[in-house]
Amino acid sequence: MPIDPRHGRRIPSGAGISRLLRAVFARQLREVRAAIAAGNPTPNLARWNSVLVDHIQPMLTLHWHQGGHDAIRRIRQAVRIRERSVSGMRLKSDPSLLASLPLDFDVFRPQVLLAIQQAALQFAASTNATSTRQIDTARQKLREELAAGLEQGEAIARLSQRVQSIFVDPVRATSIAMTEASRAMHAGQIMAAKETGIVSGKRWLASSDSCPRCQALDNQVVGLDEPFHVDSRGGPYAVIDHAPLHPHCMCTVIEVLS
């Protein structure tokens, strides 16, 4: 996992997810190319949702566990620090507080597994919908070129090249993978923080290479159940409860104790 030098937190690279996406994209490309060659409509990529979910859910589970595990560790450490005075003497506090905190985050409880499954479904649907939109755009460009007098054979060749650029794009796969791995890690972090019962908020920590949008959120504190940002345009990721704010975002959040 890469470590951002500004906030010192590890952000997952999503290497395993990236490999999976490249493999799925290669299979989808063959299917779309076959349809183009046969003059058939573009295949409905939504049928690939279940394939992606089956393969991506175990990977997201690992990132959820890592996020929850790290959150529990930080929260326990914060409680220890808070219970010490400036002089190093222990403050009078509830001795059972630390003992009541979980030692780790259990991702195999039904409510956690359901949340991970929903995240996997959203990921698969969003990824395949984006590919479908890009293919539709390429087909529209083809129709415009044919109307402008481009020869049929050359137009089909251009369409094939454009379709290939959609699926054979390591930057796209890497960007999606890192973004979704980070999203899963932070989702596990927030869920674990809620379960401790002693975390009241979360603080945004912008990365060293953060964009102006992320810099505007830097050090902002909101309630644990409040979003940092809501995109008025809507979409599956319009409500930003935690990092990442955008693709390839290296920002993170930290727990704020009650």
Protein backbone atom coordinates (compact mmCIF):
# COMPACT_ATOMS: atom_id res chain seq x y z
CA MET A 1 0.00 0.00 0.00
CA PRO A 2 1.34 3.47 -0.86
CA ILE A 3 1.76 5.85 2.08
CA ASP A 4 0.89 9.50 1.61
CA PRO A 5 3.65 11.62 3.18
CA ARG A 6 1.28 14.33 4.40
CA HIS A 7 -1.04 12.25 6.57
CA GLY A 8 1.07 9.11 6.85
CA ARG A 9 -1.82 6.75 6.16
CA ARG A 10 -1.61 3.74 3.89
CA ILE A 11 -4.00 3.87 0.96
CA PRO A 12 -4.54 0.53 -0.84
CA SER A 13 -3.31 0.29 -4.39
CA GLY A 14 -6.05 -2.15 -5.41
CA ALA A 15 -3.58 -4.24 -7.41
CA GLY A 16 -5.70 -7.38 -7.15
CA ILE A 17 -8.84 -5.53 -8.26
CA SER A 18 -6.91 -4.03 -11.17
CA ARG A 19 -5.82 -7.48 -12.39
CA LEU A 20 -9.41 -8.71 -12.14
CA LEU A 21 -10.75 -5.74 -14.08
CA ARG A 22 -8.21 -6.15 -16.87
CA ALA A 23 -9.22 -9.82 -17.22
CA VAL A 24 -12.94 -8.98 -17.29
CA PHE A 25 -12.39 -6.08 -19.70
CA ALA A 26 -10.51 -8.40 -22.07
CA ARG A 27 -13.45 -10.83 -22.12
CA GLN A 28 -15.93 -8.01 -22.63
CA LEU A 29 -13.85 -6.62 -25.49
CA ARG A 30 -13.96 -9.95 -27.33
CA GLU A 31 -17.73 -10.05 -26.91
CA VAL A 32 -18.26 -6.49 -28.15
CA ARG A 33 -15.89 -6.96 -31.09
CA ALA A 34 -17.75 -10.09 -32.15
CA ALA A 35 -21.02 -8.17 -32.06
CA ILE A 36 -19.54 -5.36 -34.16
CA ALA A 37 -18.15 -7.81 -36.72
CA ALA A 38 -21.53 -9.53 -37.00
CA GLY A 39 -23.41 -6.25 -37.26
CA ASN A 40 -25.30 -6.99 -34.06
CA PRO A 41 -26.33 -4.50 -31.34
CA THR A 42 -23.89 -3.93 -28.51
CA PRO A 43 -24.22 -6.70 -25.91
CA ASN A 44 -25.84 -5.74 -22.63
CA LEU A 45 -22.86 -5.50 -20.26
CA ALA A 46 -25.22 -5.55 -17.26
CA ARG A 47 -25.12 -9.34 -17.49
CA TRP A 48 -21.50 -9.08 -16.36
CA ASN A 49 -22.57 -7.57 -13.03
CA SER A 50 -22.90 -10.95 -11.32
CA VAL A 51 -19.51 -12.04 -12.65
CA LEU A 52 -17.84 -8.95 -11.21
CA VAL A 53 -19.68 -9.25 -7.90
CA ASP A 54 -18.63 -12.88 -7.43
CA HIS A 55 -14.97 -12.02 -7.95
CA ILE A 56 -14.81 -8.56 -6.40
CA GLN A 57 -16.66 -9.24 -3.15
CA PRO A 58 -13.84 -11.27 -1.52
CA MET A 59 -11.35 -8.53 -2.43
CA LEU A 60 -13.55 -5.79 -1.01
CA THR A 61 -13.99 -7.87 2.14
CA LEU A 62 -10.24 -7.81 2.72
CA HIS A 63 -10.15 -4.02 2.39
CA TRP A 64 -13.17 -3.60 4.67
CA HIS A 65 -11.45 -5.73 7.30
CA GLN A 66 -8.22 -3.76 6.98
CA GLY A 67 -10.06 -0.46 7.39
CA GLY A 68 -12.02 -1.70 10.39
CA HIS A 69 -8.97 -3.33 11.98
CA ASP A 70 -6.91 -0.16 11.66
CA ALA A 71 -9.77 1.96 13.04
CA ILE A 72 -10.10 -0.22 16.13
CA ARG A 73 -6.36 -0.04 16.70
CA ARG A 74 -6.32 3.77 16.40
CA ILE A 75 -9.35 4.19 18.64
CA ARG A 76 -7.88 2.00 21.36
CA GLN A 77 -4.63 3.95 21.17
CA ALA A 78 -6.51 7.26 21.35
CA VAL A 79 -8.35 6.09 24.46
CA ARG A 80 -5.06 5.17 26.13
CA ILE A 81 -3.62 8.60 25.32
CA ARG A 82 -6.73 10.43 26.50
CA GLU A 83 -6.64 8.61 29.82
CA ARG A 84 -3.20 9.98 30.63
CA SER A 85 -2.57 13.42 32.09
CA VAL A 86 0.15 15.78 30.86
CA SER A 87 2.37 14.59 33.71
CA GLY A 88 1.94 11.00 32.69
CA MET A 89 -0.30 10.11 35.64
CA ARG A 90 -3.47 8.21 34.83
CA LEU A 91 -6.64 10.23 34.94
CA LYS A 92 -9.70 9.06 36.79
CA SER A 93 -11.86 7.45 34.16
CA ASP A 94 -14.01 4.44 33.52
CA PRO A 95 -11.54 1.53 33.67
CA SER A 96 -13.93 -0.62 31.70
CA LEU A 97 -13.90 1.65 28.63
CA LEU A 98 -10.81 0.20 27.03
CA ALA A 99 -11.84 -3.31 27.99
CA SER A 100 -15.23 -2.80 26.36
CA LEU A 101 -13.74 -1.89 22.99
CA PRO A 102 -13.44 -4.69 20.44
CA LEU A 103 -10.01 -6.09 19.70
CA ASP A 104 -10.71 -6.42 15.99
CA PHE A 105 -13.37 -5.82 13.36
CA ASP A 106 -15.46 -8.86 12.43
CA VAL A 107 -16.38 -8.71 8.74
CA PHE A 108 -18.29 -11.99 8.85
CA ARG A 109 -21.29 -10.70 10.77
CA PRO A 110 -24.47 -10.61 8.62
CA GLN A 111 -24.86 -6.80 8.63
CA VAL A 112 -21.25 -6.31 7.54
CA LEU A 113 -21.44 -8.94 4.82
CA LEU A 114 -24.65 -7.35 3.54
CA ALA A 115 -22.99 -3.92 3.36
CA ILE A 116 -20.03 -5.38 1.46
CA GLN A 117 -22.36 -7.17 -0.96
CA GLN A 118 -24.24 -3.94 -1.63
CA ALA A 119 -20.94 -2.15 -2.25
CA ALA A 120 -19.88 -4.90 -4.69
CA LEU A 121 -23.20 -4.64 -6.55
CA GLN A 122 -22.86 -0.87 -6.81
CA PHE A 123 -19.29 -1.19 -8.03
CA ALA A 124 -20.19 -3.74 -10.71
CA ALA A 125 -23.23 -1.85 -11.95
CA SER A 126 -21.37 1.47 -12.10
CA THR A 127 -18.33 0.00 -13.90
CA ASN A 128 -20.37 -1.80 -16.56
CA ALA A 129 -22.73 1.17 -17.02
CA THR A 130 -19.72 3.41 -17.69
CA SER A 131 -18.38 0.98 -20.31
CA THR A 132 -21.81 0.83 -21.96
CA ARG A 133 -22.06 4.63 -22.10
CA GLN A 134 -18.62 4.87 -23.68
CA ILE A 135 -19.56 2.27 -26.32
CA ASP A 136 -22.78 4.16 -27.06
CA THR A 137 -20.72 7.34 -27.51
CA ALA A 138 -18.38 5.52 -29.90
CA ARG A 139 -21.35 4.23 -31.91
CA GLN A 140 -22.85 7.72 -32.10
CA LYS A 141 -19.52 8.99 -33.42
CA LEU A 142 -19.61 6.23 -36.02
CA ARG A 143 -23.09 7.28 -37.19
CA GLU A 144 -21.92 10.88 -37.50
CA GLU A 145 -18.89 9.83 -39.56
CA LEU A 146 -21.04 7.69 -41.85
CA ALA A 147 -23.42 10.61 -42.35
CA ALA A 148 -20.42 12.77 -43.24
CA GLY A 149 -19.42 10.35 -46.01
CA LEU A 150 -16.86 8.11 -44.31
CA GLU A 151 -16.60 4.73 -45.99
CA GLN A 152 -18.27 1.85 -44.17
CA GLY A 153 -15.10 -0.21 -43.84
CA GLU A 154 -13.04 2.64 -42.42
CA ALA A 155 -15.83 3.61 -40.03
CA ILE A 156 -16.05 0.08 -38.64
CA ALA A 157 -12.27 0.00 -38.22
CA ARG A 158 -12.40 3.26 -36.27
CA LEU A 159 -15.21 1.95 -34.09
CA SER A 160 -13.17 -1.16 -33.31
CA GLN A 161 -10.22 1.01 -32.28
CA ARG A 162 -12.39 3.17 -30.07
CA VAL A 163 -13.94 0.15 -28.39
CA GLN A 164 -10.49 -1.29 -27.77
CA SER A 165 -9.41 1.94 -26.07
CA ILE A 166 -12.32 1.55 -23.63
CA PHE A 167 -11.35 -1.92 -22.48
CA VAL A 168 -7.58 -2.02 -23.05
CA ASP A 169 -6.72 0.92 -20.80
CA PRO A 170 -4.43 0.09 -17.86
CA VAL A 171 -4.87 3.60 -16.49
CA ARG A 172 -8.62 3.14 -16.27
CA ALA A 173 -8.36 -0.25 -14.56
CA THR A 174 -5.75 1.00 -12.10
CA SER A 175 -7.71 4.15 -11.29
CA ILE A 176 -10.97 2.24 -10.69
CA ALA A 177 -9.17 -0.36 -8.60
CA MET A 178 -7.39 2.07 -6.32
CA THR A 179 -10.52 4.18 -5.88
CA GLU A 180 -12.74 1.23 -4.99
CA ALA A 181 -10.14 -0.33 -2.69
CA SER A 182 -9.86 2.97 -0.83
CA ARG A 183 -13.66 3.28 -0.69
CA ALA A 184 -13.94 -0.21 0.81
CA MET A 185 -11.19 0.44 3.36
CA HIS A 186 -12.81 3.67 4.54
CA ALA A 187 -16.27 2.09 4.63
CA GLY A 188 -14.92 -0.58 6.98
CA GLN A 189 -13.26 2.13 9.05
CA ILE A 190 -16.48 4.10 9.51
CA MET A 191 -18.53 0.99 10.31
CA ALA A 192 -16.01 -0.10 12.94
CA ALA A 193 -15.91 3.40 14.43
CA LYS A 194 -19.70 3.44 14.79
CA GLU A 195 -19.69 0.09 16.54
CA THR A 196 -17.33 1.28 19.29
CA GLY A 197 -19.90 3.79 20.51
CA ILE A 198 -17.26 6.36 21.48
CA VAL A 199 -16.58 8.02 18.12
CA SER A 200 -18.68 11.11 17.45
CA GLY A 201 -17.16 12.41 14.23
CA LYS A 202 -14.61 12.11 11.47
CA ARG A 203 -11.97 14.51 10.16
CA TRP A 204 -10.92 14.81 6.51
CA LEU A 205 -7.17 14.60 5.91
CA ALA A 206 -6.18 15.85 2.47
CA SER A 207 -3.30 14.12 0.71
CA SER A 208 -0.05 15.76 -0.36
CA ASP A 209 -1.23 15.86 -3.97
CA SER A 210 -4.82 16.79 -3.19
CA CYS A 211 -6.94 18.75 -5.64
CA PRO A 212 -8.68 22.04 -4.76
CA ARG A 213 -11.91 20.18 -3.95
CA CYS A 214 -10.15 17.96 -1.42
CA GLN A 215 -8.12 20.85 -0.01
CA ALA A 216 -11.39 22.64 0.73
CA LEU A 217 -12.35 19.67 2.94
CA ASP A 218 -8.98 19.41 4.70
CA ASN A 219 -9.38 19.17 8.50
CA GLN A 220 -13.15 19.54 8.21
CA VAL A 221 -14.97 17.64 10.96
CA VAL A 222 -18.49 16.28 10.54
CA GLY A 223 -20.63 13.93 12.57
CA LEU A 224 -20.07 10.23 12.10
CA ASP A 225 -23.37 9.92 10.23
CA GLU A 226 -22.98 13.16 8.25
CA PRO A 227 -21.53 13.44 4.74
CA PHE A 228 -18.56 15.62 3.89
CA HIS A 229 -20.03 16.50 0.51
CA VAL A 230 -23.16 15.89 -1.56
CA ASP A 231 -23.02 16.20 -5.34
CA SER A 232 -26.20 17.85 -6.58
CA ARG A 233 -25.85 16.04 -9.90
CA GLY A 234 -26.64 12.75 -8.20
CA GLY A 235 -25.22 9.36 -9.09
CA PRO A 236 -24.19 6.26 -7.14
CA TYR A 237 -21.32 8.08 -5.40
CA ALA A 238 -22.96 11.48 -4.97
CA VAL A 239 -22.94 11.33 -1.16
CA ILE A 240 -19.37 11.44 0.14
CA ASP A 241 -19.36 9.98 3.67
CA HIS A 242 -15.60 9.39 3.57
CA ALA A 243 -12.67 9.37 1.19
CA PRO A 244 -12.17 9.01 -1.72
CA LEU A 245 -13.85 12.12 -3.11
CA HIS A 246 -12.94 11.31 -6.71
CA PRO A 247 -11.03 8.69 -8.75
CA HIS A 248 -7.45 8.12 -7.62
CA CYS A 249 -7.99 10.21 -4.49
CA MET A 250 -5.29 9.66 -1.83
CA CYS A 251 -7.11 11.49 0.97
CA THR A 252 -8.32 9.76 4.12
CA VAL A 253 -10.33 10.41 7.28
CA ILE A 254 -9.53 10.03 10.98
CA GLU A 255 -11.86 9.24 13.85
CA VAL A 256 -12.87 11.95 16.34
CA LEU A 257 -13.67 10.60 19.79
CA SER A 258 -16.68 11.76 21.78
